[in-house]
Amino acid sequence: MDYGKLDARLASAVEEAARAPESRSLVVVLRLTGTPSDREIARLREAGVEARPSAATVLTGVLSPRDVDELSEEPFVMSLSLSGRRRPLSDG
């Protein structure tokens, strides 16, 4: 695993989820080095990333620790981070 591409929260979550390396439970944001090729899109989809043929370079997916490990080694993946929880905007 290329820990240099993972943010601290994701690295910690991967370590905690290591008991079930195939369980898809990590909501991850991926930043790519550029527009993905057809081969790269296929690889991302295989891992559980919502990749469509487009110019998007920031994608999300629900991944297993094993998927995070494998994608961190891909040269077209710049960084991976654990998605934050969304909260409603407050009125004041």
PDB file of N, CA and C in Angstrom:
ATOM      1  N   MET A   1       0.858  -1.179   0.000  1.00  0.00           N
ATOM      2  CA  MET A   1       0.000   0.000   0.000  1.00  0.00           C
ATOM      3  C   MET A   1       0.895   1.229   0.000  1.00  0.00           C
ATOM      4  N   ASP A   2       0.526   2.202  -0.822  1.00  0.00           N
ATOM      5  CA  ASP A   2       1.254   3.459  -0.881  1.00  0.00           C
ATOM      6  C   ASP A   2       0.590   4.434   0.091  1.00  0.00           C
ATOM      7  N   TYR A   3       1.071   4.442   1.342  1.00  0.00           N
ATOM      8  CA  TYR A   3       0.470   5.287   2.371  1.00  0.00           C
ATOM      9  C   TYR A   3       0.649   6.770   2.069  1.00  0.00           C
ATOM     10  N   GLY A   4       1.572   7.123   1.190  1.00  0.00           N
ATOM     11  CA  GLY A   4       1.767   8.506   0.801  1.00  0.00           C
ATOM     12  C   GLY A   4       0.577   9.078   0.041  1.00  0.00           C
ATOM     13  N   LYS A   5      -0.264   8.203  -0.513  1.00  0.00           N
ATOM     14  CA  LYS A   5      -1.440   8.651  -1.249  1.00  0.00           C
ATOM     15  C   LYS A   5      -2.698   8.692  -0.383  1.00  0.00           C
ATOM     16  N   LEU A   6      -2.632   8.162   0.841  1.00  0.00           N
ATOM     17  CA  LEU A   6      -3.800   8.096   1.725  1.00  0.00           C
ATOM     18  C   LEU A   6      -3.764   9.232   2.740  1.00  0.00           C
ATOM     19  N   ASP A   7      -4.938   9.805   3.029  1.00  0.00           N
ATOM     20  CA  ASP A   7      -4.982  10.777   4.115  1.00  0.00           C
ATOM     21  C   ASP A   7      -4.987  10.003   5.435  1.00  0.00           C
ATOM     22  N   ALA A   8      -4.714  10.706   6.516  1.00  0.00           N
ATOM     23  CA  ALA A   8      -4.568  10.053   7.819  1.00  0.00           C
ATOM     24  C   ALA A   8      -5.837   9.320   8.249  1.00  0.00           C
ATOM     25  N   ARG A   9      -6.996   9.920   8.002  1.00  0.00           N
ATOM     26  CA  ARG A   9      -8.259   9.280   8.403  1.00  0.00           C
ATOM     27  C   ARG A   9      -8.474   7.982   7.655  1.00  0.00           C
ATOM     28  N   LEU A  10      -8.167   7.959   6.348  1.00  0.00           N
ATOM     29  CA  LEU A  10      -8.347   6.733   5.569  1.00  0.00           C
ATOM     30  C   LEU A  10      -7.341   5.672   5.997  1.00  0.00           C
ATOM     31  N   ALA A  11      -6.104   6.047   6.228  1.00  0.00           N
ATOM     32  CA  ALA A  11      -5.099   5.082   6.681  1.00  0.00           C
ATOM     33  C   ALA A  11      -5.541   4.420   7.981  1.00  0.00           C
ATOM     34  N   SER A  12      -6.074   5.211   8.895  1.00  0.00           N
ATOM     35  CA  SER A  12      -6.563   4.681  10.165  1.00  0.00           C
ATOM     36  C   SER A  12      -7.760   3.754   9.950  1.00  0.00           C
ATOM     37  N   ALA A  13      -8.682   4.152   9.080  1.00  0.00           N
ATOM     38  CA  ALA A  13      -9.871   3.337   8.806  1.00  0.00           C
ATOM     39  C   ALA A  13      -9.499   2.019   8.140  1.00  0.00           C
ATOM     40  N   VAL A  14      -8.504   2.043   7.255  1.00  0.00           N
ATOM     41  CA  VAL A  14      -8.047   0.808   6.601  1.00  0.00           C
ATOM     42  C   VAL A  14      -7.475  -0.142   7.646  1.00  0.00           C
ATOM     43  N   GLU A  15      -6.675   0.390   8.567  1.00  0.00           N
ATOM     44  CA  GLU A  15      -6.102  -0.449   9.629  1.00  0.00           C
ATOM     45  C   GLU A  15      -7.202  -1.060  10.500  1.00  0.00           C
ATOM     46  N   GLU A  16      -8.226  -0.278  10.831  1.00  0.00           N
ATOM     47  CA  GLU A  16      -9.325  -0.782  11.647  1.00  0.00           C
ATOM     48  C   GLU A  16     -10.140  -1.841  10.910  1.00  0.00           C
ATOM     49  N   ALA A  17     -10.279  -1.694   9.593  1.00  0.00           N
ATOM     50  CA  ALA A  17     -11.094  -2.619   8.796  1.00  0.00           C
ATOM     51  C   ALA A  17     -10.300  -3.815   8.288  1.00  0.00           C
ATOM     52  N   ALA A  18      -9.050  -3.941   8.687  1.00  0.00           N
ATOM     53  CA  ALA A  18      -8.181  -5.011   8.171  1.00  0.00           C
ATOM     54  C   ALA A  18      -8.687  -6.410   8.507  1.00  0.00           C
ATOM     55  N   ARG A  19      -9.525  -6.527   9.500  1.00  0.00           N
ATOM     56  CA  ARG A  19     -10.060  -7.858   9.858  1.00  0.00           C
ATOM     57  C   ARG A  19     -10.968  -8.408   8.773  1.00  0.00           C
ATOM     58  N   ALA A  20     -11.542  -7.535   7.965  1.00  0.00           N
ATOM     59  CA  ALA A  20     -12.437  -7.952   6.878  1.00  0.00           C
ATOM     60  C   ALA A  20     -11.976  -7.265   5.586  1.00  0.00           C
ATOM     61  N   PRO A  21     -10.869  -7.723   4.992  1.00  0.00           N
ATOM     62  CA  PRO A  21     -10.283  -7.021   3.856  1.00  0.00           C
ATOM     63  C   PRO A  21     -11.154  -6.986   2.604  1.00  0.00           C
ATOM     64  N   GLU A  22     -12.163  -7.847   2.517  1.00  0.00           N
ATOM     65  CA  GLU A  22     -13.036  -7.862   1.344  1.00  0.00           C
ATOM     66  C   GLU A  22     -14.317  -7.058   1.546  1.00  0.00           C
ATOM     67  N   SER A  23     -14.588  -6.644   2.773  1.00  0.00           N
ATOM     68  CA  SER A  23     -15.819  -5.926   3.080  1.00  0.00           C
ATOM     69  C   SER A  23     -15.761  -4.507   2.538  1.00  0.00           C
ATOM     70  N   ARG A  24     -16.723  -4.156   1.694  1.00  0.00           N
ATOM     71  CA  ARG A  24     -16.786  -2.804   1.123  1.00  0.00           C
ATOM     72  C   ARG A  24     -17.513  -1.897   2.111  1.00  0.00           C
ATOM     73  N   SER A  25     -16.736  -1.165   2.891  1.00  0.00           N
ATOM     74  CA  SER A  25     -17.351  -0.330   3.912  1.00  0.00           C
ATOM     75  C   SER A  25     -16.740   1.061   4.002  1.00  0.00           C
ATOM     76  N   LEU A  26     -15.741   1.348   3.191  1.00  0.00           N
ATOM     77  CA  LEU A  26     -15.057   2.631   3.265  1.00  0.00           C
ATOM     78  C   LEU A  26     -15.518   3.537   2.120  1.00  0.00           C
ATOM     79  N   VAL A  27     -16.106   4.677   2.463  1.00  0.00           N
ATOM     80  CA  VAL A  27     -16.524   5.634   1.441  1.00  0.00           C
ATOM     81  C   VAL A  27     -15.315   6.527   1.169  1.00  0.00           C
ATOM     82  N   VAL A  28     -14.802   6.424  -0.063  1.00  0.00           N
ATOM     83  CA  VAL A  28     -13.516   7.025  -0.405  1.00  0.00           C
ATOM     84  C   VAL A  28     -13.666   8.002  -1.564  1.00  0.00           C
ATOM     85  N   VAL A  29     -12.928   9.106  -1.473  1.00  0.00           N
ATOM     86  CA  VAL A  29     -12.817  10.073  -2.564  1.00  0.00           C
ATOM     87  C   VAL A  29     -11.450   9.855  -3.205  1.00  0.00           C
ATOM     88  N   LEU A  30     -11.449   9.673  -4.527  1.00  0.00           N
ATOM     89  CA  LEU A  30     -10.205   9.478  -5.263  1.00  0.00           C
ATOM     90  C   LEU A  30      -9.938  10.695  -6.136  1.00  0.00           C
ATOM     91  N   ARG A  31      -8.707  11.131  -6.150  1.00  0.00           N
ATOM     92  CA  ARG A  31      -8.279  12.201  -7.047  1.00  0.00           C
ATOM     93  C   ARG A  31      -7.311  11.575  -8.041  1.00  0.00           C
ATOM     94  N   LEU A  32      -7.617  11.742  -9.318  1.00  0.00           N
ATOM     95  CA  LEU A  32      -6.814  11.140 -10.374  1.00  0.00           C
ATOM     96  C   LEU A  32      -5.831  12.155 -10.947  1.00  0.00           C
ATOM     97  N   THR A  33      -4.803  11.651 -11.610  1.00  0.00           N
ATOM     98  CA  THR A  33      -3.795  12.527 -12.199  1.00  0.00           C
ATOM     99  C   THR A  33      -4.305  13.237 -13.442  1.00  0.00           C
ATOM    100  N   GLY A  34      -5.353  12.725 -14.043  1.00  0.00           N
ATOM    101  CA  GLY A  34      -5.930  13.319 -15.242  1.00  0.00           C
ATOM    102  C   GLY A  34      -7.189  12.576 -15.628  1.00  0.00           C
ATOM    103  N   THR A  35      -7.736  12.889 -16.782  1.00  0.00           N
ATOM    104  CA  THR A  35      -8.928  12.205 -17.276  1.00  0.00           C
ATOM    105  C   THR A  35      -8.604  10.721 -17.457  1.00  0.00           C
ATOM    106  N   PRO A  36      -9.411   9.830 -16.874  1.00  0.00           N
ATOM    107  CA  PRO A  36      -9.088   8.399 -16.963  1.00  0.00           C
ATOM    108  C   PRO A  36      -9.333   7.826 -18.357  1.00  0.00           C
ATOM    109  N   SER A  37      -8.463   6.895 -18.739  1.00  0.00           N
ATOM    110  CA  SER A  37      -8.622   6.171 -19.999  1.00  0.00           C
ATOM    111  C   SER A  37      -9.699   5.099 -19.825  1.00  0.00           C
ATOM    112  N   ASP A  38     -10.073   4.452 -20.910  1.00  0.00           N
ATOM    113  CA  ASP A  38     -11.065   3.373 -20.825  1.00  0.00           C
ATOM    114  C   ASP A  38     -10.574   2.254 -19.922  1.00  0.00           C
ATOM    115  N   ARG A  39      -9.292   1.915 -20.002  1.00  0.00           N
ATOM    116  CA  ARG A  39      -8.725   0.857 -19.158  1.00  0.00           C
ATOM    117  C   ARG A  39      -8.778   1.271 -17.682  1.00  0.00           C
ATOM    118  N   GLU A  40      -8.464   2.521 -17.408  1.00  0.00           N
ATOM    119  CA  GLU A  40      -8.492   3.015 -16.029  1.00  0.00           C
ATOM    120  C   GLU A  40      -9.914   3.059 -15.490  1.00  0.00           C
ATOM    121  N   ILE A  41     -10.874   3.452 -16.327  1.00  0.00           N
ATOM    122  CA  ILE A  41     -12.279   3.444 -15.913  1.00  0.00           C
ATOM    123  C   ILE A  41     -12.715   2.027 -15.564  1.00  0.00           C
ATOM    124  N   ALA A  42     -12.329   1.061 -16.383  1.00  0.00           N
ATOM    125  CA  ALA A  42     -12.675  -0.338 -16.107  1.00  0.00           C
ATOM    126  C   ALA A  42     -12.069  -0.800 -14.786  1.00  0.00           C
ATOM    127  N   ARG A  43     -10.833  -0.404 -14.515  1.00  0.00           N
ATOM    128  CA  ARG A  43     -10.161  -0.785 -13.268  1.00  0.00           C
ATOM    129  C   ARG A  43     -10.865  -0.150 -12.069  1.00  0.00           C
ATOM    130  N   LEU A  44     -11.257   1.105 -12.200  1.00  0.00           N
ATOM    131  CA  LEU A  44     -11.960   1.791 -11.119  1.00  0.00           C
ATOM    132  C   LEU A  44     -13.311   1.143 -10.841  1.00  0.00           C
ATOM    133  N   ARG A  45     -14.051   0.837 -11.885  1.00  0.00           N
ATOM    134  CA  ARG A  45     -15.358   0.187 -11.714  1.00  0.00           C
ATOM    135  C   ARG A  45     -15.213  -1.165 -11.041  1.00  0.00           C
ATOM    136  N   GLU A  46     -14.188  -1.897 -11.422  1.00  0.00           N
ATOM    137  CA  GLU A  46     -13.923  -3.212 -10.826  1.00  0.00           C
ATOM    138  C   GLU A  46     -13.736  -3.095  -9.313  1.00  0.00           C
ATOM    139  N   ALA A  47     -13.152  -1.995  -8.886  1.00  0.00           N
ATOM    140  CA  ALA A  47     -12.898  -1.768  -7.463  1.00  0.00           C
ATOM    141  C   ALA A  47     -14.110  -1.211  -6.724  1.00  0.00           C
ATOM    142  N   GLY A  48     -15.155  -0.776  -7.455  1.00  0.00           N
ATOM    143  CA  GLY A  48     -16.337  -0.245  -6.800  1.00  0.00           C
ATOM    144  C   GLY A  48     -16.478   1.260  -6.877  1.00  0.00           C
ATOM    145  N   VAL A  49     -15.673   1.897  -7.726  1.00  0.00           N
ATOM    146  CA  VAL A  49     -15.738   3.352  -7.880  1.00  0.00           C
ATOM    147  C   VAL A  49     -16.780   3.689  -8.941  1.00  0.00           C
ATOM    148  N   GLU A  50     -17.539   4.738  -8.690  1.00  0.00           N
ATOM    149  CA  GLU A  50     -18.565   5.191  -9.628  1.00  0.00           C
ATOM    150  C   GLU A  50     -17.889   5.976 -10.745  1.00  0.00           C
ATOM    151  N   ALA A  51     -17.323   5.257 -11.723  1.00  0.00           N
ATOM    152  CA  ALA A  51     -16.581   5.901 -12.812  1.00  0.00           C
ATOM    153  C   ALA A  51     -17.378   5.820 -14.105  1.00  0.00           C
ATOM    154  N   ARG A  52     -17.600   6.983 -14.691  1.00  0.00           N
ATOM    155  CA  ARG A  52     -18.285   7.065 -15.986  1.00  0.00           C
ATOM    156  C   ARG A  52     -17.312   7.670 -16.987  1.00  0.00           C
ATOM    157  N   PRO A  53     -17.474   7.338 -18.248  1.00  0.00           N
ATOM    158  CA  PRO A  53     -16.609   7.989 -19.246  1.00  0.00           C
ATOM    159  C   PRO A  53     -16.879   9.493 -19.263  1.00  0.00           C
ATOM    160  N   SER A  54     -16.003  10.245 -18.674  1.00  0.00           N
ATOM    161  CA  SER A  54     -16.146  11.703 -18.626  1.00  0.00           C
ATOM    162  C   SER A  54     -14.793  12.311 -18.294  1.00  0.00           C
ATOM    163  N   ALA A  55     -14.777  13.593 -18.141  1.00  0.00           N
ATOM    164  CA  ALA A  55     -13.538  14.292 -17.815  1.00  0.00           C
ATOM    165  C   ALA A  55     -13.332  14.422 -16.307  1.00  0.00           C
ATOM    166  N   ALA A  56     -14.133  13.737 -15.509  1.00  0.00           N
ATOM    167  CA  ALA A  56     -14.036  13.851 -14.052  1.00  0.00           C
ATOM    168  C   ALA A  56     -12.707  13.301 -13.551  1.00  0.00           C
ATOM    169  N   THR A  57     -12.073  14.047 -12.673  1.00  0.00           N
ATOM    170  CA  THR A  57     -10.825  13.579 -12.064  1.00  0.00           C
ATOM    171  C   THR A  57     -10.965  13.390 -10.556  1.00  0.00           C
ATOM    172  N   VAL A  58     -12.160  13.642 -10.024  1.00  0.00           N
ATOM    173  CA  VAL A  58     -12.466  13.376  -8.618  1.00  0.00           C
ATOM    174  C   VAL A  58     -13.675  12.449  -8.606  1.00  0.00           C
ATOM    175  N   LEU A  59     -13.498  11.272  -8.015  1.00  0.00           N
ATOM    176  CA  LEU A  59     -14.535  10.245  -8.024  1.00  0.00           C
ATOM    177  C   LEU A  59     -14.734   9.708  -6.617  1.00  0.00           C
ATOM    178  N   THR A  60     -15.872   9.038  -6.401  1.00  0.00           N
ATOM    179  CA  THR A  60     -16.142   8.412  -5.106  1.00  0.00           C
ATOM    180  C   THR A  60     -16.493   6.953  -5.299  1.00  0.00           C
ATOM    181  N   GLY A  61     -16.328   6.194  -4.234  1.00  0.00           N
ATOM    182  CA  GLY A  61     -16.712   4.796  -4.272  1.00  0.00           C
ATOM    183  C   GLY A  61     -16.752   4.220  -2.872  1.00  0.00           C
ATOM    184  N   VAL A  62     -17.441   3.103  -2.736  1.00  0.00           N
ATOM    185  CA  VAL A  62     -17.469   2.359  -1.481  1.00  0.00           C
ATOM    186  C   VAL A  62     -16.522   1.188  -1.684  1.00  0.00           C
ATOM    187  N   LEU A  63     -15.389   1.238  -0.989  1.00  0.00           N
ATOM    188  CA  LEU A  63     -14.297   0.314  -1.242  1.00  0.00           C
ATOM    189  C   LEU A  63     -13.982  -0.572  -0.042  1.00  0.00           C
ATOM    190  N   SER A  64     -13.370  -1.688  -0.328  1.00  0.00           N
ATOM    191  CA  SER A  64     -12.829  -2.560   0.714  1.00  0.00           C
ATOM    192  C   SER A  64     -11.394  -2.114   1.005  1.00  0.00           C
ATOM    193  N   PRO A  65     -10.843  -2.529   2.135  1.00  0.00           N
ATOM    194  CA  PRO A  65      -9.435  -2.216   2.401  1.00  0.00           C
ATOM    195  C   PRO A  65      -8.514  -2.748   1.298  1.00  0.00           C
ATOM    196  N   ARG A  66      -8.841  -3.901   0.751  1.00  0.00           N
ATOM    197  CA  ARG A  66      -8.034  -4.472  -0.331  1.00  0.00           C
ATOM    198  C   ARG A  66      -8.086  -3.564  -1.572  1.00  0.00           C
ATOM    199  N   ASP A  67      -9.277  -3.027  -1.895  1.00  0.00           N
ATOM    200  CA  ASP A  67      -9.410  -2.113  -3.034  1.00  0.00           C
ATOM    201  C   ASP A  67      -8.574  -0.852  -2.813  1.00  0.00           C
ATOM    202  N   VAL A  68      -8.604  -0.318  -1.599  1.00  0.00           N
ATOM    203  CA  VAL A  68      -7.814   0.875  -1.280  1.00  0.00           C
ATOM    204  C   VAL A  68      -6.337   0.567  -1.492  1.00  0.00           C
ATOM    205  N   ASP A  69      -5.897  -0.581  -1.011  1.00  0.00           N
ATOM    206  CA  ASP A  69      -4.510  -1.002  -1.166  1.00  0.00           C
ATOM    207  C   ASP A  69      -4.130  -1.055  -2.642  1.00  0.00           C
ATOM    208  N   GLU A  70      -4.936  -1.735  -3.440  1.00  0.00           N
ATOM    209  CA  GLU A  70      -4.622  -1.913  -4.853  1.00  0.00           C
ATOM    210  C   GLU A  70      -4.681  -0.593  -5.624  1.00  0.00           C
ATOM    211  N   LEU A  71      -5.688   0.224  -5.362  1.00  0.00           N
ATOM    212  CA  LEU A  71      -5.797   1.492  -6.077  1.00  0.00           C
ATOM    213  C   LEU A  71      -4.689   2.472  -5.684  1.00  0.00           C
ATOM    214  N   SER A  72      -4.213   2.381  -4.455  1.00  0.00           N
ATOM    215  CA  SER A  72      -3.132   3.277  -4.035  1.00  0.00           C
ATOM    216  C   SER A  72      -1.855   3.011  -4.826  1.00  0.00           C
ATOM    217  N   GLU A  73      -1.729   1.827  -5.382  1.00  0.00           N
ATOM    218  CA  GLU A  73      -0.551   1.470  -6.165  1.00  0.00           C
ATOM    219  C   GLU A  73      -0.672   1.855  -7.639  1.00  0.00           C
ATOM    220  N   GLU A  74      -1.864   2.267  -8.066  1.00  0.00           N
ATOM    221  CA  GLU A  74      -2.071   2.633  -9.469  1.00  0.00           C
ATOM    222  C   GLU A  74      -1.446   3.997  -9.743  1.00  0.00           C
ATOM    223  N   PRO A  75      -0.669   4.133 -10.804  1.00  0.00           N
ATOM    224  CA  PRO A  75      -0.022   5.415 -11.090  1.00  0.00           C
ATOM    225  C   PRO A  75      -0.991   6.538 -11.468  1.00  0.00           C
ATOM    226  N   PHE A  76      -2.197   6.201 -11.937  1.00  0.00           N
ATOM    227  CA  PHE A  76      -3.151   7.240 -12.328  1.00  0.00           C
ATOM    228  C   PHE A  76      -3.952   7.773 -11.140  1.00  0.00           C
ATOM    229  N   VAL A  77      -3.794   7.174  -9.957  1.00  0.00           N
ATOM    230  CA  VAL A  77      -4.468   7.643  -8.741  1.00  0.00           C
ATOM    231  C   VAL A  77      -3.499   8.545  -7.982  1.00  0.00           C
ATOM    232  N   MET A  78      -3.879   9.817  -7.834  1.00  0.00           N
ATOM    233  CA  MET A  78      -3.028  10.792  -7.151  1.00  0.00           C
ATOM    234  C   MET A  78      -3.171  10.688  -5.634  1.00  0.00           C
ATOM    235  N   SER A  79      -4.434  10.593  -5.148  1.00  0.00           N
ATOM    236  CA  SER A  79      -4.651  10.518  -3.708  1.00  0.00           C
ATOM    237  C   SER A  79      -6.002   9.880  -3.419  1.00  0.00           C
ATOM    238  N   LEU A  80      -6.106   9.342  -2.205  1.00  0.00           N
ATOM    239  CA  LEU A  80      -7.353   8.752  -1.719  1.00  0.00           C
ATOM    240  C   LEU A  80      -7.619   9.331  -0.334  1.00  0.00           C
ATOM    241  N   SER A  81      -8.870   9.657  -0.066  1.00  0.00           N
ATOM    242  CA  SER A  81      -9.215  10.178   1.251  1.00  0.00           C
ATOM    243  C   SER A  81     -10.569   9.628   1.685  1.00  0.00           C
ATOM    244  N   LEU A  82     -10.708   9.509   2.982  1.00  0.00           N
ATOM    245  CA  LEU A  82     -11.970   9.050   3.544  1.00  0.00           C
ATOM    246  C   LEU A  82     -12.976  10.176   3.414  1.00  0.00           C
ATOM    247  N   SER A  83     -14.138   9.861   2.892  1.00  0.00           N
ATOM    248  CA  SER A  83     -15.174  10.871   2.710  1.00  0.00           C
ATOM    249  C   SER A  83     -15.689  11.318   4.067  1.00  0.00           C
ATOM    250  N   GLY A  84     -15.877  12.624   4.213  1.00  0.00           N
ATOM    251  CA  GLY A  84     -16.424  13.164   5.449  1.00  0.00           C
ATOM    252  C   GLY A  84     -17.926  13.000   5.488  1.00  0.00           C
ATOM    253  N   ARG A  85     -18.461  13.016   6.663  1.00  0.00           N
ATOM    254  CA  ARG A  85     -19.914  12.934   6.812  1.00  0.00           C
ATOM    255  C   ARG A  85     -20.520  14.287   6.512  1.00  0.00           C
ATOM    256  N   ARG A  86     -21.591  14.253   5.788  1.00  0.00           N
ATOM    257  CA  ARG A  86     -22.286  15.490   5.429  1.00  0.00           C
ATOM    258  C   ARG A  86     -23.262  15.868   6.535  1.00  0.00           C
ATOM    259  N   ARG A  87     -23.324  17.177   6.810  1.00  0.00           N
ATOM    260  CA  ARG A  87     -24.267  17.680   7.795  1.00  0.00           C
ATOM    261  C   ARG A  87     -25.120  18.758   7.157  1.00  0.00           C
ATOM    262  N   PRO A  88     -26.354  18.881   7.584  1.00  0.00           N
ATOM    263  CA  PRO A  88     -27.193  19.965   7.029  1.00  0.00           C
ATOM    264  C   PRO A  88     -26.664  21.319   7.462  1.00  0.00           C
ATOM    265  N   LEU A  89     -26.879  22.305   6.615  1.00  0.00           N
ATOM    266  CA  LEU A  89     -26.492  23.662   6.976  1.00  0.00           C
ATOM    267  C   LEU A  89     -27.403  24.158   8.095  1.00  0.00           C
ATOM    268  N   SER A  90     -26.848  24.867   9.048  1.00  0.00           N
ATOM    269  CA  SER A  90     -27.681  25.395  10.129  1.00  0.00           C
ATOM    270  C   SER A  90     -28.265  26.737   9.712  1.00  0.00           C
ATOM    271  N   ASP A  91     -29.322  27.114  10.380  1.00  0.00           N
ATOM    272  CA  ASP A  91     -29.991  28.383  10.070  1.00  0.00           C
ATOM    273  C   ASP A  91     -29.308  29.559  10.739  1.00  0.00           C
ATOM    274  N   GLY A  92     -28.341  29.341  11.565  1.00  0.00           N
ATOM    275  CA  GLY A  92     -27.763  30.490  12.234  1.00  0.00           C
ATOM    276  C   GLY A  92     -26.557  30.243  12.973  1.00  0.00           C
TER     277      GLY A  92
END
